[in-house]
Amino acid sequence: MILKLGTLKELANHADSILKPVYDHIAFNVRILDENYGADRDLDEDDGGYILLFDTKEDLELIRNYGKIDFSYHMPEWVDRIGTDEGDYGAALYLVSNDFGIVLVAPLVLLCSLPDIADCVNQ
């Protein structure tokens, strides 16, 4: 399942289903979006962006086919490793326009299957 998270209010609805370190990382990024672009923005139409949290290869294929991120063109602006007791997760920010970013958050092994990710987290 892919969770699309763009506001702190929305994120709070999933607090019990997201690992604490992953939740904290997402909350940090969503807080920045809320503060800079508004907590009541339209996630798809307004500036800012959102986070996509996923955990399967099938989810990744859906994201690839969604078309917002062109992985042959867009490179991650940053990549973070998120340590959890259940294995490492990764987060990668893709800027798809000047004022719109998508942060992908997934198990690190899955995220590393994307171009330009594995080199970033292994440095």
C-alpha atoms as a PDB file:
ATOM      1  CA  MET A   1       0.000   0.000   0.000  1.00  0.00           C
ATOM      2  CA  ILE A   2       1.223   3.484  -0.854  1.00  0.00           C
ATOM      3  CA  LEU A   3       0.524   6.212   1.677  1.00  0.00           C
ATOM      4  CA  LYS A   4       0.455   9.741   0.299  1.00  0.00           C
ATOM      5  CA  LEU A   5       1.261  12.100   3.166  1.00  0.00           C
ATOM      6  CA  GLY A   6       1.377  15.847   2.804  1.00  0.00           C
ATOM      7  CA  THR A   7       0.283  17.455   6.057  1.00  0.00           C
ATOM      8  CA  LEU A   8       0.943  16.859   9.744  1.00  0.00           C
ATOM      9  CA  LYS A   9      -2.788  16.464  10.336  1.00  0.00           C
ATOM     10  CA  GLU A  10      -2.967  13.742   7.714  1.00  0.00           C
ATOM     11  CA  LEU A  11       0.215  12.063   8.983  1.00  0.00           C
ATOM     12  CA  ALA A  12      -1.193  11.894  12.531  1.00  0.00           C
ATOM     13  CA  ASN A  13      -3.938   9.569  11.226  1.00  0.00           C
ATOM     14  CA  HIS A  14      -1.234   6.954  10.522  1.00  0.00           C
ATOM     15  CA  ALA A  15       0.899   7.324  13.657  1.00  0.00           C
ATOM     16  CA  ASP A  16       0.122   3.802  14.889  1.00  0.00           C
ATOM     17  CA  SER A  17       0.960   2.098  11.589  1.00  0.00           C
ATOM     18  CA  ILE A  18       4.360   3.691  10.823  1.00  0.00           C
ATOM     19  CA  LEU A  19       7.602   2.763  12.562  1.00  0.00           C
ATOM     20  CA  LYS A  20       8.587   5.545  14.981  1.00  0.00           C
ATOM     21  CA  PRO A  21      11.910   6.549  13.311  1.00  0.00           C
ATOM     22  CA  VAL A  22      10.209   6.593   9.899  1.00  0.00           C
ATOM     23  CA  TYR A  23       7.289   8.579  11.303  1.00  0.00           C
ATOM     24  CA  ASP A  24       9.667  11.115  12.864  1.00  0.00           C
ATOM     25  CA  HIS A  25      11.567  11.548   9.587  1.00  0.00           C
ATOM     26  CA  ILE A  26       8.352  12.026   7.635  1.00  0.00           C
ATOM     27  CA  ALA A  27       7.000  14.452  10.253  1.00  0.00           C
ATOM     28  CA  PHE A  28      10.142  16.588   9.970  1.00  0.00           C
ATOM     29  CA  ASN A  29       9.678  16.884   6.204  1.00  0.00           C
ATOM     30  CA  VAL A  30       5.921  17.388   6.313  1.00  0.00           C
ATOM     31  CA  ARG A  31       6.332  20.148   8.914  1.00  0.00           C
ATOM     32  CA  ILE A  32       8.559  22.007   6.439  1.00  0.00           C
ATOM     33  CA  LEU A  33       5.895  21.653   3.745  1.00  0.00           C
ATOM     34  CA  ASP A  34       3.116  22.830   6.084  1.00  0.00           C
ATOM     35  CA  GLU A  35       5.124  25.846   7.259  1.00  0.00           C
ATOM     36  CA  ASN A  36       6.203  26.937   3.792  1.00  0.00           C
ATOM     37  CA  TYR A  37       3.221  26.030   1.617  1.00  0.00           C
ATOM     38  CA  GLY A  38       0.285  25.821   4.041  1.00  0.00           C
ATOM     39  CA  ALA A  39      -1.341  22.986   5.931  1.00  0.00           C
ATOM     40  CA  ASP A  40      -4.556  23.295   3.895  1.00  0.00           C
ATOM     41  CA  ARG A  41      -3.005  23.129   0.434  1.00  0.00           C
ATOM     42  CA  ASP A  42      -4.204  20.832  -2.350  1.00  0.00           C
ATOM     43  CA  LEU A  43      -1.411  18.258  -2.471  1.00  0.00           C
ATOM     44  CA  ASP A  44      -1.694  17.722  -6.215  1.00  0.00           C
ATOM     45  CA  GLU A  45      -2.426  21.220  -7.450  1.00  0.00           C
ATOM     46  CA  ASP A  46      -0.660  23.611  -5.081  1.00  0.00           C
ATOM     47  CA  ASP A  47       3.064  24.129  -4.579  1.00  0.00           C
ATOM     48  CA  GLY A  48       4.903  22.064  -1.993  1.00  0.00           C
ATOM     49  CA  GLY A  49       4.638  18.366  -2.561  1.00  0.00           C
ATOM     50  CA  TYR A  50       4.178  15.270  -0.469  1.00  0.00           C
ATOM     51  CA  ILE A  51       5.708  12.053   0.799  1.00  0.00           C
ATOM     52  CA  LEU A  52       4.992   8.620  -0.674  1.00  0.00           C
ATOM     53  CA  LEU A  53       5.555   5.821   1.846  1.00  0.00           C
ATOM     54  CA  PHE A  54       5.580   2.337   0.334  1.00  0.00           C
ATOM     55  CA  ASP A  55       7.015  -1.090   1.009  1.00  0.00           C
ATOM     56  CA  THR A  56       6.697  -3.436  -1.983  1.00  0.00           C
ATOM     57  CA  LYS A  57       8.104  -3.782  -5.504  1.00  0.00           C
ATOM     58  CA  GLU A  58       4.541  -3.557  -6.789  1.00  0.00           C
ATOM     59  CA  ASP A  59       4.122  -0.193  -5.067  1.00  0.00           C
ATOM     60  CA  LEU A  60       7.342   1.018  -6.668  1.00  0.00           C
ATOM     61  CA  GLU A  61       6.066  -0.003 -10.097  1.00  0.00           C
ATOM     62  CA  LEU A  62       2.858   1.946  -9.473  1.00  0.00           C
ATOM     63  CA  ILE A  63       4.943   4.995  -8.557  1.00  0.00           C
ATOM     64  CA  ARG A  64       7.050   4.545 -11.713  1.00  0.00           C
ATOM     65  CA  ASN A  65       3.895   4.379 -13.819  1.00  0.00           C
ATOM     66  CA  TYR A  66       2.251   7.286 -11.976  1.00  0.00           C
ATOM     67  CA  GLY A  67       4.447   9.576 -14.059  1.00  0.00           C
ATOM     68  CA  LYS A  68       5.150  12.380 -11.601  1.00  0.00           C
ATOM     69  CA  ILE A  69       8.818  11.382 -11.300  1.00  0.00           C
ATOM     70  CA  ASP A  70      10.758  10.565 -14.448  1.00  0.00           C
ATOM     71  CA  PHE A  71      13.528   8.386 -13.046  1.00  0.00           C
ATOM     72  CA  SER A  72      15.490   8.667 -16.289  1.00  0.00           C
ATOM     73  CA  TYR A  73      15.575  12.459 -15.863  1.00  0.00           C
ATOM     74  CA  HIS A  74      15.083  13.348 -12.178  1.00  0.00           C
ATOM     75  CA  MET A  75      17.860  12.670  -9.711  1.00  0.00           C
ATOM     76  CA  PRO A  76      17.362  12.702  -5.940  1.00  0.00           C
ATOM     77  CA  GLU A  77      18.324  15.982  -4.298  1.00  0.00           C
ATOM     78  CA  TRP A  78      19.159  14.141  -1.096  1.00  0.00           C
ATOM     79  CA  VAL A  79      18.956  10.606   0.261  1.00  0.00           C
ATOM     80  CA  ASP A  80      18.730   9.716   3.945  1.00  0.00           C
ATOM     81  CA  ARG A  81      19.103   6.412   5.727  1.00  0.00           C
ATOM     82  CA  ILE A  82      16.543   5.859   8.486  1.00  0.00           C
ATOM     83  CA  GLY A  83      17.592   3.193  10.963  1.00  0.00           C
ATOM     84  CA  THR A  84      14.868   1.101  12.585  1.00  0.00           C
ATOM     85  CA  ASP A  85      14.864  -2.076  14.660  1.00  0.00           C
ATOM     86  CA  GLU A  86      13.126  -3.780  11.730  1.00  0.00           C
ATOM     87  CA  GLY A  87      15.704  -2.808   9.105  1.00  0.00           C
ATOM     88  CA  ASP A  88      16.870   0.357   7.427  1.00  0.00           C
ATOM     89  CA  TYR A  89      14.546   2.594   5.472  1.00  0.00           C
ATOM     90  CA  GLY A  90      15.532   5.265   3.019  1.00  0.00           C
ATOM     91  CA  ALA A  91      14.095   8.618   2.033  1.00  0.00           C
ATOM     92  CA  ALA A  92      14.850  10.401  -1.230  1.00  0.00           C
ATOM     93  CA  LEU A  93      13.668  13.846  -2.335  1.00  0.00           C
ATOM     94  CA  TYR A  94      12.876  14.378  -6.001  1.00  0.00           C
ATOM     95  CA  LEU A  95      12.198  17.936  -7.138  1.00  0.00           C
ATOM     96  CA  VAL A  96       9.788  17.683 -10.029  1.00  0.00           C
ATOM     97  CA  SER A  97       9.528  21.449 -10.444  1.00  0.00           C
ATOM     98  CA  ASN A  98      10.858  24.580  -8.744  1.00  0.00           C
ATOM     99  CA  ASP A  99       8.288  24.403  -5.949  1.00  0.00           C
ATOM    100  CA  PHE A 100       7.128  20.799  -5.936  1.00  0.00           C
ATOM    101  CA  GLY A 101       8.942  17.853  -4.415  1.00  0.00           C
ATOM    102  CA  ILE A 102       8.126  14.237  -3.762  1.00  0.00           C
ATOM    103  CA  VAL A 103       9.911  12.350  -1.010  1.00  0.00           C
ATOM    104  CA  LEU A 104       9.943   8.590  -1.495  1.00  0.00           C
ATOM    105  CA  VAL A 105      10.221   6.609   1.737  1.00  0.00           C
ATOM    106  CA  ALA A 106      10.630   2.826   1.638  1.00  0.00           C
ATOM    107  CA  PRO A 107      12.750  -0.029   2.920  1.00  0.00           C
ATOM    108  CA  LEU A 108      16.292   0.833   1.907  1.00  0.00           C
ATOM    109  CA  VAL A 109      16.808  -2.320  -0.139  1.00  0.00           C
ATOM    110  CA  LEU A 110      13.788  -1.374  -2.262  1.00  0.00           C
ATOM    111  CA  LEU A 111      14.732   2.296  -2.594  1.00  0.00           C
ATOM    112  CA  CYS A 112      18.251   1.299  -3.668  1.00  0.00           C
ATOM    113  CA  SER A 113      16.801  -0.308  -6.781  1.00  0.00           C
ATOM    114  CA  LEU A 114      16.197   3.196  -8.157  1.00  0.00           C
ATOM    115  CA  PRO A 115      18.843   4.954 -10.242  1.00  0.00           C
ATOM    116  CA  ASP A 116      21.299   7.123  -8.298  1.00  0.00           C
ATOM    117  CA  ILE A 117      20.140   5.919  -4.868  1.00  0.00           C
ATOM    118  CA  ALA A 118      22.539   3.095  -4.024  1.00  0.00           C
ATOM    119  CA  ASP A 119      25.611   5.301  -4.520  1.00  0.00           C
ATOM    120  CA  CYS A 120      24.166   7.962  -2.232  1.00  0.00           C
ATOM    121  CA  VAL A 121      23.470   5.717   0.738  1.00  0.00           C
ATOM    122  CA  ASN A 122      26.719   3.791   0.458  1.00  0.00           C
ATOM    123  CA  GLN A 123      28.946   6.870   0.788  1.00  0.00           C
END
